[in-house]
Amino acid sequence: MSVELRKGQKVNLEKTGSSMGEIVIDLTWSQSKKKGLFARQPQPIDLDLACMFELTDGNKGIVQALGNRFGSLTSAPYISLDGDDRGNDSDTNKETLRINGSAIKNIRRVLVYTFIYEGAANWRDANGIVTVKCPGSQDIIVRMDEYGSNEGFCAIAMLENFNNETFSVEKVVRFFPGHEACDRAFGWGMQWKPARKD
């Protein structure tokens, strides 16, 4: 079973027992293929799944492949990125963020975002879908279904701590020219500098 969120809609992940367990956030995308013998295929798109986090002690940061900030599940920020799918020619690509639900008391909010590391800013061709999975809850589907932007960065969903018992999940889907503009829009207040992948 799953529930698909509309923009601005918010739902709560359900807590089972004494712990929420591991929250898994998958981003999948697929390269649209043009048909026809002489059809020119679009450049493969490399999307990066990532997040900004704010902990209850005031610590803020990011988890992303760019800059090799892959995080940790067992210590702050209690969020980790599995790896970096470079967006090759396979039909479907996927990246995964994991949140330690047992550490919910340490996490105030998490903004899940993606950006185009390589390839044109053509979100329609990417067919991006984010799925949030938590034990005991329905899968939550967030489609990147707004395409009228040439910006290469998209804030997808906000997870917020609710009474140290659960996370609310809200679909935002807003586009920005980059990390810093998104930070300002959501009030993170971090300092930014260029980074790269190894």
Foldseek 3Di string as FASTA:
>chain_A
DEAEDDAFDKDWQACDDLWFAKKKKKKKWFADADDDPPDDGFDFWFKWKKKWFAWPVGDIDIDTQFQDRQADCVDPPNKGKPDGDRRDNDGMDMTMMMHGRRVLNTTFKMWIKMFTPDGFLFVVRGFIWMWIDIPPGHIYIWTLPDGPDRAGMWGAWMWGRDPSRITMIHGHTDGDNDDVVVCVVVVSPDDDDHTGHD
